[in-house]
Amino acid sequence: SNQGGKTCYTCGGYGHMSRDCNQGSKCYNCGNSGHISRECPEERKEKACYKCNEVGHI
């Protein structure tokens, strides 16, 4: 669940916003630090819906 619809653009976590984040940046695709998603060496994962967590729509 996304805990109130807030998604942090810094760490990719739920329940808080970037301005309140105390973690370093992470890749949205693989979750590792040190790179951003467009530079990720991992295969792209399909994004899940923020509301129902199902893939195929957002």
PDB file of N, CA and C in Angstrom:
ATOM      1  N   SER A   1       0.836  -1.186   0.000  1.00  0.00           N
ATOM      2  CA  SER A   1       0.000   0.000   0.000  1.00  0.00           C
ATOM      3  C   SER A   1       0.872   1.237   0.000  1.00  0.00           C
ATOM      4  N   ASN A   2       0.355   2.335  -0.529  1.00  0.00           N
ATOM      5  CA  ASN A   2       1.172   3.527  -0.655  1.00  0.00           C
ATOM      6  C   ASN A   2       1.024   4.504   0.501  1.00  0.00           C
ATOM      7  N   GLN A   3       0.367   4.132   1.545  1.00  0.00           N
ATOM      8  CA  GLN A   3       0.275   4.893   2.779  1.00  0.00           C
ATOM      9  C   GLN A   3      -0.112   6.348   2.536  1.00  0.00           C
ATOM     10  N   GLY A   4      -1.272   6.579   1.992  1.00  0.00           N
ATOM     11  CA  GLY A   4      -1.776   7.921   1.824  1.00  0.00           C
ATOM     12  C   GLY A   4      -1.442   8.564   0.492  1.00  0.00           C
ATOM     13  N   GLY A   5      -0.906   7.824  -0.442  1.00  0.00           N
ATOM     14  CA  GLY A   5      -0.656   8.356  -1.761  1.00  0.00           C
ATOM     15  C   GLY A   5       0.615   9.148  -1.920  1.00  0.00           C
ATOM     16  N   LYS A   6       1.406   9.302  -0.874  1.00  0.00           N
ATOM     17  CA  LYS A   6       2.653  10.054  -0.975  1.00  0.00           C
ATOM     18  C   LYS A   6       3.782   9.139  -1.421  1.00  0.00           C
ATOM     19  N   THR A   7       4.482   9.533  -2.463  1.00  0.00           N
ATOM     20  CA  THR A   7       5.638   8.791  -2.942  1.00  0.00           C
ATOM     21  C   THR A   7       6.835   9.717  -2.930  1.00  0.00           C
ATOM     22  N   CYS A   8       7.904   9.301  -2.301  1.00  0.00           N
ATOM     23  CA  CYS A   8       9.123  10.103  -2.224  1.00  0.00           C
ATOM     24  C   CYS A   8       9.909   9.974  -3.519  1.00  0.00           C
ATOM     25  N   TYR A   9      10.260  11.109  -4.127  1.00  0.00           N
ATOM     26  CA  TYR A   9      11.037  11.095  -5.366  1.00  0.00           C
ATOM     27  C   TYR A   9      12.529  10.964  -5.101  1.00  0.00           C
ATOM     28  N   THR A  10      12.943  10.999  -3.850  1.00  0.00           N
ATOM     29  CA  THR A  10      14.354  10.827  -3.506  1.00  0.00           C
ATOM     30  C   THR A  10      14.698   9.355  -3.342  1.00  0.00           C
ATOM     31  N   CYS A  11      13.931   8.640  -2.515  1.00  0.00           N
ATOM     32  CA  CYS A  11      14.254   7.241  -2.225  1.00  0.00           C
ATOM     33  C   CYS A  11      13.287   6.253  -2.860  1.00  0.00           C
ATOM     34  N   GLY A  12      12.164   6.731  -3.394  1.00  0.00           N
ATOM     35  CA  GLY A  12      11.176   5.842  -3.994  1.00  0.00           C
ATOM     36  C   GLY A  12      10.237   5.213  -2.983  1.00  0.00           C
ATOM     37  N   GLY A  13      10.378   5.582  -1.715  1.00  0.00           N
ATOM     38  CA  GLY A  13       9.535   5.024  -0.669  1.00  0.00           C
ATOM     39  C   GLY A  13       8.166   5.676  -0.608  1.00  0.00           C
ATOM     40  N   TYR A  14       7.291   5.097   0.191  1.00  0.00           N
ATOM     41  CA  TYR A  14       5.933   5.593   0.347  1.00  0.00           C
ATOM     42  C   TYR A  14       5.738   6.205   1.722  1.00  0.00           C
ATOM     43  N   GLY A  15       4.770   7.095   1.821  1.00  0.00           N
ATOM     44  CA  GLY A  15       4.384   7.646   3.104  1.00  0.00           C
ATOM     45  C   GLY A  15       5.064   8.948   3.473  1.00  0.00           C
ATOM     46  N   HIS A  16       5.951   9.452   2.630  1.00  0.00           N
ATOM     47  CA  HIS A  16       6.584  10.745   2.864  1.00  0.00           C
ATOM     48  C   HIS A  16       6.994  11.353   1.532  1.00  0.00           C
ATOM     49  N   MET A  17       7.374  12.616   1.558  1.00  0.00           N
ATOM     50  CA  MET A  17       7.774  13.315   0.344  1.00  0.00           C
ATOM     51  C   MET A  17       9.271  13.605   0.389  1.00  0.00           C
ATOM     52  N   SER A  18       9.830  13.981  -0.754  1.00  0.00           N
ATOM     53  CA  SER A  18      11.275  14.216  -0.865  1.00  0.00           C
ATOM     54  C   SER A  18      11.805  15.184   0.184  1.00  0.00           C
ATOM     55  N   ARG A  19      11.078  16.261   0.416  1.00  0.00           N
ATOM     56  CA  ARG A  19      11.567  17.271   1.369  1.00  0.00           C
ATOM     57  C   ARG A  19      11.699  16.722   2.789  1.00  0.00           C
ATOM     58  N   ASP A  20      10.997  15.623   3.083  1.00  0.00           N
ATOM     59  CA  ASP A  20      11.041  15.011   4.412  1.00  0.00           C
ATOM     60  C   ASP A  20      11.903  13.751   4.458  1.00  0.00           C
ATOM     61  N   CYS A  21      12.571  13.420   3.349  1.00  0.00           N
ATOM     62  CA  CYS A  21      13.330  12.173   3.258  1.00  0.00           C
ATOM     63  C   CYS A  21      14.680  12.286   3.962  1.00  0.00           C
ATOM     64  N   ASN A  22      15.027  11.246   4.707  1.00  0.00           N
ATOM     65  CA  ASN A  22      16.325  11.226   5.379  1.00  0.00           C
ATOM     66  C   ASN A  22      17.241  10.162   4.776  1.00  0.00           C
ATOM     67  N   GLN A  23      16.873   9.615   3.621  1.00  0.00           N
ATOM     68  CA  GLN A  23      17.682   8.601   2.948  1.00  0.00           C
ATOM     69  C   GLN A  23      18.301   9.185   1.688  1.00  0.00           C
ATOM     70  N   GLY A  24      19.324   8.537   1.204  1.00  0.00           N
ATOM     71  CA  GLY A  24      19.930   8.948  -0.052  1.00  0.00           C
ATOM     72  C   GLY A  24      19.078   8.513  -1.228  1.00  0.00           C
ATOM     73  N   SER A  25      19.385   9.037  -2.387  1.00  0.00           N
ATOM     74  CA  SER A  25      18.644   8.686  -3.598  1.00  0.00           C
ATOM     75  C   SER A  25      18.858   7.228  -3.971  1.00  0.00           C
ATOM     76  N   LYS A  26      17.826   6.624  -4.529  1.00  0.00           N
ATOM     77  CA  LYS A  26      17.878   5.240  -4.996  1.00  0.00           C
ATOM     78  C   LYS A  26      17.309   5.176  -6.400  1.00  0.00           C
ATOM     79  N   CYS A  27      17.719   4.159  -7.126  1.00  0.00           N
ATOM     80  CA  CYS A  27      17.177   3.899  -8.456  1.00  0.00           C
ATOM     81  C   CYS A  27      15.737   3.412  -8.308  1.00  0.00           C
ATOM     82  N   TYR A  28      14.810   4.002  -9.064  1.00  0.00           N
ATOM     83  CA  TYR A  28      13.409   3.571  -9.001  1.00  0.00           C
ATOM     84  C   TYR A  28      13.208   2.187  -9.593  1.00  0.00           C
ATOM     85  N   ASN A  29      14.110   1.756 -10.475  1.00  0.00           N
ATOM     86  CA  ASN A  29      13.953   0.457 -11.134  1.00  0.00           C
ATOM     87  C   ASN A  29      14.415  -0.696 -10.247  1.00  0.00           C
ATOM     88  N   CYS A  30      15.641  -0.602  -9.701  1.00  0.00           N
ATOM     89  CA  CYS A  30      16.193  -1.734  -8.949  1.00  0.00           C
ATOM     90  C   CYS A  30      16.290  -1.489  -7.443  1.00  0.00           C
ATOM     91  N   GLY A  31      16.173  -0.233  -7.014  1.00  0.00           N
ATOM     92  CA  GLY A  31      16.223   0.079  -5.592  1.00  0.00           C
ATOM     93  C   GLY A  31      17.614   0.286  -5.033  1.00  0.00           C
ATOM     94  N   ASN A  32      18.643   0.172  -5.863  1.00  0.00           N
ATOM     95  CA  ASN A  32      20.018   0.368  -5.400  1.00  0.00           C
ATOM     96  C   ASN A  32      20.428   1.828  -5.509  1.00  0.00           C
ATOM     97  N   SER A  33      21.404   2.220  -4.710  1.00  0.00           N
ATOM     98  CA  SER A  33      21.923   3.581  -4.792  1.00  0.00           C
ATOM     99  C   SER A  33      23.103   3.618  -5.755  1.00  0.00           C
ATOM    100  N   GLY A  34      23.525   4.817  -6.117  1.00  0.00           N
ATOM    101  CA  GLY A  34      24.688   4.976  -6.976  1.00  0.00           C
ATOM    102  C   GLY A  34      24.362   5.277  -8.426  1.00  0.00           C
ATOM    103  N   HIS A  35      23.101   5.165  -8.811  1.00  0.00           N
ATOM    104  CA  HIS A  35      22.680   5.515 -10.166  1.00  0.00           C
ATOM    105  C   HIS A  35      21.187   5.824 -10.157  1.00  0.00           C
ATOM    106  N   ILE A  36      20.724   6.431 -11.248  1.00  0.00           N
ATOM    107  CA  ILE A  36      19.302   6.708 -11.393  1.00  0.00           C
ATOM    108  C   ILE A  36      18.704   5.722 -12.394  1.00  0.00           C
ATOM    109  N   SER A  37      17.392   5.674 -12.470  1.00  0.00           N
ATOM    110  CA  SER A  37      16.723   4.625 -13.247  1.00  0.00           C
ATOM    111  C   SER A  37      17.094   4.622 -14.727  1.00  0.00           C
ATOM    112  N   ARG A  38      17.292   5.779 -15.334  1.00  0.00           N
ATOM    113  CA  ARG A  38      17.627   5.775 -16.767  1.00  0.00           C
ATOM    114  C   ARG A  38      19.015   5.213 -17.035  1.00  0.00           C
ATOM    115  N   GLU A  39      19.859   5.110 -15.994  1.00  0.00           N
ATOM    116  CA  GLU A  39      21.200   4.543 -16.119  1.00  0.00           C
ATOM    117  C   GLU A  39      21.294   3.142 -15.515  1.00  0.00           C
ATOM    118  N   CYS A  40      20.166   2.571 -15.131  1.00  0.00           N
ATOM    119  CA  CYS A  40      20.141   1.279 -14.442  1.00  0.00           C
ATOM    120  C   CYS A  40      20.575   0.140 -15.362  1.00  0.00           C
ATOM    121  N   PRO A  41      21.503  -0.705 -14.880  1.00  0.00           N
ATOM    122  CA  PRO A  41      21.943  -1.845 -15.685  1.00  0.00           C
ATOM    123  C   PRO A  41      20.949  -3.013 -15.671  1.00  0.00           C
ATOM    124  N   GLU A  42      19.987  -2.976 -14.766  1.00  0.00           N
ATOM    125  CA  GLU A  42      18.991  -4.047 -14.669  1.00  0.00           C
ATOM    126  C   GLU A  42      17.912  -3.880 -15.737  1.00  0.00           C
ATOM    127  N   GLU A  43      17.261  -4.983 -16.087  1.00  0.00           N
ATOM    128  CA  GLU A  43      16.141  -4.926 -17.025  1.00  0.00           C
ATOM    129  C   GLU A  43      15.027  -4.072 -16.433  1.00  0.00           C
ATOM    130  N   ARG A  44      14.389  -3.281 -17.265  1.00  0.00           N
ATOM    131  CA  ARG A  44      13.309  -2.399 -16.801  1.00  0.00           C
ATOM    132  C   ARG A  44      12.144  -3.215 -16.264  1.00  0.00           C
ATOM    133  N   LYS A  45      11.647  -2.806 -15.112  1.00  0.00           N
ATOM    134  CA  LYS A  45      10.486  -3.446 -14.511  1.00  0.00           C
ATOM    135  C   LYS A  45       9.259  -2.607 -14.830  1.00  0.00           C
ATOM    136  N   GLU A  46       8.150  -3.273 -15.094  1.00  0.00           N
ATOM    137  CA  GLU A  46       6.919  -2.551 -15.372  1.00  0.00           C
ATOM    138  C   GLU A  46       6.429  -1.886 -14.089  1.00  0.00           C
ATOM    139  N   LYS A  47       6.040  -0.640 -14.195  1.00  0.00           N
ATOM    140  CA  LYS A  47       5.561   0.107 -13.035  1.00  0.00           C
ATOM    141  C   LYS A  47       4.202  -0.413 -12.590  1.00  0.00           C
ATOM    142  N   ALA A  48       3.984  -0.415 -11.296  1.00  0.00           N
ATOM    143  CA  ALA A  48       2.705  -0.835 -10.731  1.00  0.00           C
ATOM    144  C   ALA A  48       1.859   0.393 -10.418  1.00  0.00           C
ATOM    145  N   CYS A  49       0.576   0.213 -10.437  1.00  0.00           N
ATOM    146  CA  CYS A  49      -0.372   1.272 -10.106  1.00  0.00           C
ATOM    147  C   CYS A  49      -0.147   1.730  -8.660  1.00  0.00           C
ATOM    148  N   TYR A  50      -0.147   3.031  -8.452  1.00  0.00           N
ATOM    149  CA  TYR A  50       0.059   3.574  -7.109  1.00  0.00           C
ATOM    150  C   TYR A  50      -1.123   3.303  -6.190  1.00  0.00           C
ATOM    151  N   LYS A  51      -2.290   3.077  -6.771  1.00  0.00           N
ATOM    152  CA  LYS A  51      -3.479   2.889  -5.964  1.00  0.00           C
ATOM    153  C   LYS A  51      -3.729   1.421  -5.606  1.00  0.00           C
ATOM    154  N   CYS A  52      -3.619   0.519  -6.620  1.00  0.00           N
ATOM    155  CA  CYS A  52      -3.962  -0.888  -6.372  1.00  0.00           C
ATOM    156  C   CYS A  52      -2.756  -1.828  -6.441  1.00  0.00           C
ATOM    157  N   ASN A  53      -1.589  -1.316  -6.842  1.00  0.00           N
ATOM    158  CA  ASN A  53      -0.340  -2.075  -6.915  1.00  0.00           C
ATOM    159  C   ASN A  53      -0.340  -3.152  -8.002  1.00  0.00           C
ATOM    160  N   GLU A  54      -1.256  -3.054  -8.977  1.00  0.00           N
ATOM    161  CA  GLU A  54      -1.295  -3.973 -10.114  1.00  0.00           C
ATOM    162  C   GLU A  54      -0.547  -3.346 -11.287  1.00  0.00           C
ATOM    163  N   VAL A  55       0.031  -4.173 -12.159  1.00  0.00           N
ATOM    164  CA  VAL A  55       0.711  -3.662 -13.346  1.00  0.00           C
ATOM    165  C   VAL A  55      -0.273  -3.559 -14.509  1.00  0.00           C
ATOM    166  N   GLY A  56       0.114  -2.804 -15.542  1.00  0.00           N
ATOM    167  CA  GLY A  56      -0.739  -2.657 -16.714  1.00  0.00           C
ATOM    168  C   GLY A  56      -1.409  -1.302 -16.803  1.00  0.00           C
ATOM    169  N   HIS A  57      -1.407  -0.567 -15.706  1.00  0.00           N
ATOM    170  CA  HIS A  57      -1.928   0.798 -15.672  1.00  0.00           C
ATOM    171  C   HIS A  57      -1.288   1.512 -14.486  1.00  0.00           C
ATOM    172  N   ILE A  58      -1.377   2.830 -14.478  1.00  0.00           N
ATOM    173  CA  ILE A  58      -0.810   3.573 -13.338  1.00  0.00           C
ATOM    174  C   ILE A  58      -1.801   4.552 -12.764  1.00  0.00           C
TER     175      ILE A  58
END
